[in-house]
Amino acid sequence: MIRLVLGCSYGAQAPLQQRRRRQQESHLVLETNPLEWSVDDVARFIANTECAHMSRILGEQEIDGQALMLLNLPTV
């Protein structure tokens, strides 16, 4: 079981309590290892998150699971 923290909209302007609540809510439990995901697996996963608007872009850039684990929001 793998835990992944994913967030696309944590604004620095949001109150600290609100940011912490979002962070807690954004913890995901995954059944498979993201390091083994294909480009399609990544796009499918992202499409079902609050970052869905980035799914097409990640697919176009051929981001697989290993590449996804190296990304952070400023990188994207």
N, C-alpha and C. Protein backbone atom coordinates (compact mmCIF):
# COMPACT_ATOMS: atom_id res chain seq x y z
N MET A 1 0.84 -1.17 0.00
CA MET A 1 0.00 0.00 0.00
C MET A 1 0.89 1.23 0.00
N ILE A 2 0.57 2.17 -0.84
CA ILE A 2 1.37 3.38 -1.00
C ILE A 2 0.49 4.59 -0.73
N ARG A 3 1.03 5.55 -0.02
CA ARG A 3 0.31 6.80 0.21
C ARG A 3 0.93 7.88 -0.65
N LEU A 4 0.08 8.64 -1.31
CA LEU A 4 0.53 9.69 -2.21
C LEU A 4 -0.21 10.96 -1.86
N VAL A 5 0.50 12.05 -1.78
CA VAL A 5 -0.11 13.35 -1.53
C VAL A 5 -0.14 14.10 -2.84
N LEU A 6 -1.32 14.53 -3.22
CA LEU A 6 -1.51 15.20 -4.48
C LEU A 6 -2.31 16.46 -4.25
N GLY A 7 -1.85 17.57 -4.78
CA GLY A 7 -2.60 18.81 -4.65
C GLY A 7 -2.23 19.78 -5.73
N CYS A 8 -3.23 20.38 -6.32
CA CYS A 8 -2.99 21.34 -7.40
C CYS A 8 -3.38 22.75 -7.01
N SER A 9 -4.13 22.91 -5.95
CA SER A 9 -4.69 24.23 -5.68
C SER A 9 -4.38 24.75 -4.28
N TYR A 10 -3.27 24.36 -3.72
CA TYR A 10 -2.91 24.90 -2.40
C TYR A 10 -2.34 26.29 -2.59
N GLY A 11 -3.15 27.27 -2.38
CA GLY A 11 -2.67 28.63 -2.52
C GLY A 11 -2.04 29.12 -1.24
N ALA A 12 -1.01 29.88 -1.37
CA ALA A 12 -0.35 30.43 -0.19
C ALA A 12 -1.28 31.40 0.54
N GLN A 13 -2.30 31.91 -0.16
CA GLN A 13 -3.21 32.87 0.43
C GLN A 13 -4.25 32.19 1.33
N ALA A 14 -4.47 30.90 1.15
CA ALA A 14 -5.48 30.20 1.95
C ALA A 14 -5.02 30.16 3.41
N PRO A 15 -5.96 30.29 4.34
CA PRO A 15 -5.60 30.22 5.76
C PRO A 15 -4.93 28.87 6.07
N LEU A 16 -4.03 28.90 7.03
CA LEU A 16 -3.26 27.71 7.39
C LEU A 16 -4.17 26.53 7.71
N GLN A 17 -5.20 26.74 8.46
CA GLN A 17 -6.12 25.66 8.84
C GLN A 17 -6.77 25.05 7.60
N GLN A 18 -7.16 25.87 6.66
CA GLN A 18 -7.78 25.38 5.44
C GLN A 18 -6.77 24.57 4.61
N ARG A 19 -5.53 25.03 4.52
CA ARG A 19 -4.50 24.30 3.77
C ARG A 19 -4.23 22.94 4.41
N ARG A 20 -4.18 22.90 5.74
CA ARG A 20 -3.94 21.63 6.44
C ARG A 20 -5.08 20.65 6.19
N ARG A 21 -6.32 21.14 6.21
CA ARG A 21 -7.47 20.28 5.96
C ARG A 21 -7.40 19.71 4.55
N ARG A 22 -7.07 20.54 3.57
CA ARG A 22 -6.94 20.06 2.19
C ARG A 22 -5.83 19.03 2.07
N GLN A 23 -4.73 19.26 2.76
CA GLN A 23 -3.63 18.31 2.69
C GLN A 23 -4.05 16.97 3.27
N GLN A 24 -4.75 16.97 4.38
CA GLN A 24 -5.21 15.72 4.98
C GLN A 24 -6.19 15.01 4.05
N GLU A 25 -7.06 15.75 3.41
CA GLU A 25 -8.05 15.15 2.51
C GLU A 25 -7.40 14.63 1.24
N SER A 26 -6.24 15.13 0.87
CA SER A 26 -5.63 14.76 -0.39
C SER A 26 -4.74 13.52 -0.31
N HIS A 27 -4.60 12.91 0.86
CA HIS A 27 -3.82 11.69 0.97
C HIS A 27 -4.59 10.56 0.32
N LEU A 28 -3.94 9.87 -0.59
CA LEU A 28 -4.55 8.78 -1.32
C LEU A 28 -3.86 7.47 -0.96
N VAL A 29 -4.62 6.41 -0.93
CA VAL A 29 -4.05 5.08 -0.73
C VAL A 29 -4.16 4.38 -2.08
N LEU A 30 -3.04 3.96 -2.61
CA LEU A 30 -2.98 3.35 -3.94
C LEU A 30 -2.77 1.85 -3.83
N GLU A 31 -3.38 1.13 -4.73
CA GLU A 31 -3.26 -0.33 -4.75
C GLU A 31 -2.05 -0.80 -5.54
N THR A 32 -1.55 0.04 -6.44
CA THR A 32 -0.39 -0.32 -7.25
C THR A 32 0.72 0.71 -7.05
N ASN A 33 1.91 0.33 -7.39
CA ASN A 33 3.08 1.19 -7.22
C ASN A 33 3.14 2.19 -8.38
N PRO A 34 3.05 3.50 -8.11
CA PRO A 34 3.11 4.50 -9.17
C PRO A 34 4.39 4.44 -9.99
N LEU A 35 5.46 3.96 -9.42
CA LEU A 35 6.71 3.86 -10.16
C LEU A 35 6.60 2.89 -11.34
N GLU A 36 5.59 2.04 -11.30
CA GLU A 36 5.38 1.06 -12.37
C GLU A 36 4.29 1.48 -13.36
N TRP A 37 3.71 2.67 -13.18
CA TRP A 37 2.62 3.12 -14.03
C TRP A 37 3.11 3.50 -15.43
N SER A 38 2.27 3.21 -16.41
CA SER A 38 2.53 3.65 -17.79
C SER A 38 2.03 5.09 -17.95
N VAL A 39 2.27 5.66 -19.11
CA VAL A 39 1.76 7.00 -19.42
C VAL A 39 0.24 7.01 -19.32
N ASP A 40 -0.41 5.97 -19.84
CA ASP A 40 -1.87 5.89 -19.78
C ASP A 40 -2.37 5.76 -18.34
N ASP A 41 -1.67 4.98 -17.52
CA ASP A 41 -2.05 4.84 -16.11
C ASP A 41 -2.00 6.19 -15.40
N VAL A 42 -0.95 6.96 -15.65
CA VAL A 42 -0.80 8.28 -15.03
C VAL A 42 -1.94 9.19 -15.48
N ALA A 43 -2.19 9.24 -16.77
CA ALA A 43 -3.25 10.12 -17.30
C ALA A 43 -4.61 9.73 -16.71
N ARG A 44 -4.88 8.44 -16.62
CA ARG A 44 -6.15 7.96 -16.06
C ARG A 44 -6.27 8.34 -14.58
N PHE A 45 -5.18 8.18 -13.83
CA PHE A 45 -5.19 8.53 -12.41
C PHE A 45 -5.42 10.03 -12.22
N ILE A 46 -4.65 10.84 -12.92
CA ILE A 46 -4.74 12.29 -12.78
C ILE A 46 -6.13 12.78 -13.19
N ALA A 47 -6.73 12.16 -14.17
CA ALA A 47 -8.06 12.56 -14.65
C ALA A 47 -9.12 12.44 -13.56
N ASN A 48 -8.86 11.64 -12.54
CA ASN A 48 -9.82 11.44 -11.45
C ASN A 48 -9.44 12.18 -10.18
N THR A 49 -8.63 13.22 -10.31
CA THR A 49 -8.21 14.02 -9.16
C THR A 49 -8.56 15.48 -9.39
N GLU A 50 -8.24 16.31 -8.42
CA GLU A 50 -8.46 17.75 -8.58
C GLU A 50 -7.51 18.36 -9.61
N CYS A 51 -6.57 17.57 -10.08
CA CYS A 51 -5.62 18.00 -11.12
C CYS A 51 -6.03 17.51 -12.50
N ALA A 52 -7.29 17.16 -12.67
CA ALA A 52 -7.77 16.57 -13.93
C ALA A 52 -7.43 17.42 -15.15
N HIS A 53 -7.40 18.72 -14.98
CA HIS A 53 -7.08 19.60 -16.10
C HIS A 53 -5.66 19.39 -16.62
N MET A 54 -4.82 18.70 -15.88
CA MET A 54 -3.44 18.46 -16.29
C MET A 54 -3.25 17.09 -16.94
N SER A 55 -4.27 16.27 -16.94
CA SER A 55 -4.16 14.91 -17.46
C SER A 55 -3.70 14.88 -18.91
N ARG A 56 -4.31 15.67 -19.75
CA ARG A 56 -3.96 15.70 -21.18
C ARG A 56 -2.51 16.14 -21.37
N ILE A 57 -2.11 17.15 -20.64
CA ILE A 57 -0.75 17.68 -20.75
C ILE A 57 0.28 16.62 -20.34
N LEU A 58 0.02 15.93 -19.24
CA LEU A 58 0.95 14.90 -18.79
C LEU A 58 1.05 13.78 -19.81
N GLY A 59 -0.08 13.43 -20.43
CA GLY A 59 -0.07 12.42 -21.48
C GLY A 59 0.74 12.86 -22.68
N GLU A 60 0.53 14.10 -23.10
CA GLU A 60 1.28 14.64 -24.24
C GLU A 60 2.78 14.66 -23.98
N GLN A 61 3.14 14.91 -22.74
CA GLN A 61 4.56 14.96 -22.36
C GLN A 61 5.12 13.57 -22.04
N GLU A 62 4.29 12.54 -22.20
CA GLU A 62 4.67 11.15 -21.96
C GLU A 62 5.22 10.94 -20.55
N ILE A 63 4.47 11.47 -19.57
CA ILE A 63 4.86 11.33 -18.17
C ILE A 63 4.37 9.97 -17.67
N ASP A 64 5.31 9.10 -17.36
CA ASP A 64 4.95 7.81 -16.78
C ASP A 64 5.06 7.92 -15.26
N GLY A 65 4.89 6.80 -14.57
CA GLY A 65 4.91 6.83 -13.11
C GLY A 65 6.21 7.32 -12.52
N GLN A 66 7.33 6.90 -13.09
CA GLN A 66 8.62 7.34 -12.56
C GLN A 66 8.79 8.85 -12.72
N ALA A 67 8.40 9.36 -13.88
CA ALA A 67 8.50 10.81 -14.11
C ALA A 67 7.54 11.56 -13.20
N LEU A 68 6.34 11.01 -12.99
CA LEU A 68 5.36 11.66 -12.12
C LEU A 68 5.91 11.86 -10.71
N MET A 69 6.62 10.86 -10.21
CA MET A 69 7.16 10.93 -8.86
C MET A 69 8.23 12.00 -8.72
N LEU A 70 8.80 12.43 -9.83
CA LEU A 70 9.83 13.47 -9.80
C LEU A 70 9.26 14.88 -9.92
N LEU A 71 7.99 14.98 -10.30
CA LEU A 71 7.37 16.30 -10.53
C LEU A 71 6.90 16.92 -9.23
N ASN A 72 6.90 18.25 -9.21
CA ASN A 72 6.20 19.02 -8.19
C ASN A 72 5.46 20.12 -8.92
N LEU A 73 4.56 20.80 -8.27
CA LEU A 73 3.70 21.75 -8.95
C LEU A 73 4.47 22.84 -9.69
N PRO A 74 5.52 23.44 -9.12
CA PRO A 74 6.25 24.44 -9.90
C PRO A 74 6.90 23.85 -11.16
N THR A 75 7.28 22.58 -11.14
CA THR A 75 7.86 21.94 -12.31
C THR A 75 6.86 21.85 -13.44
N VAL A 76 5.61 21.56 -13.10
CA VAL A 76 4.56 21.41 -14.10
C VAL A 76 4.20 22.76 -14.64
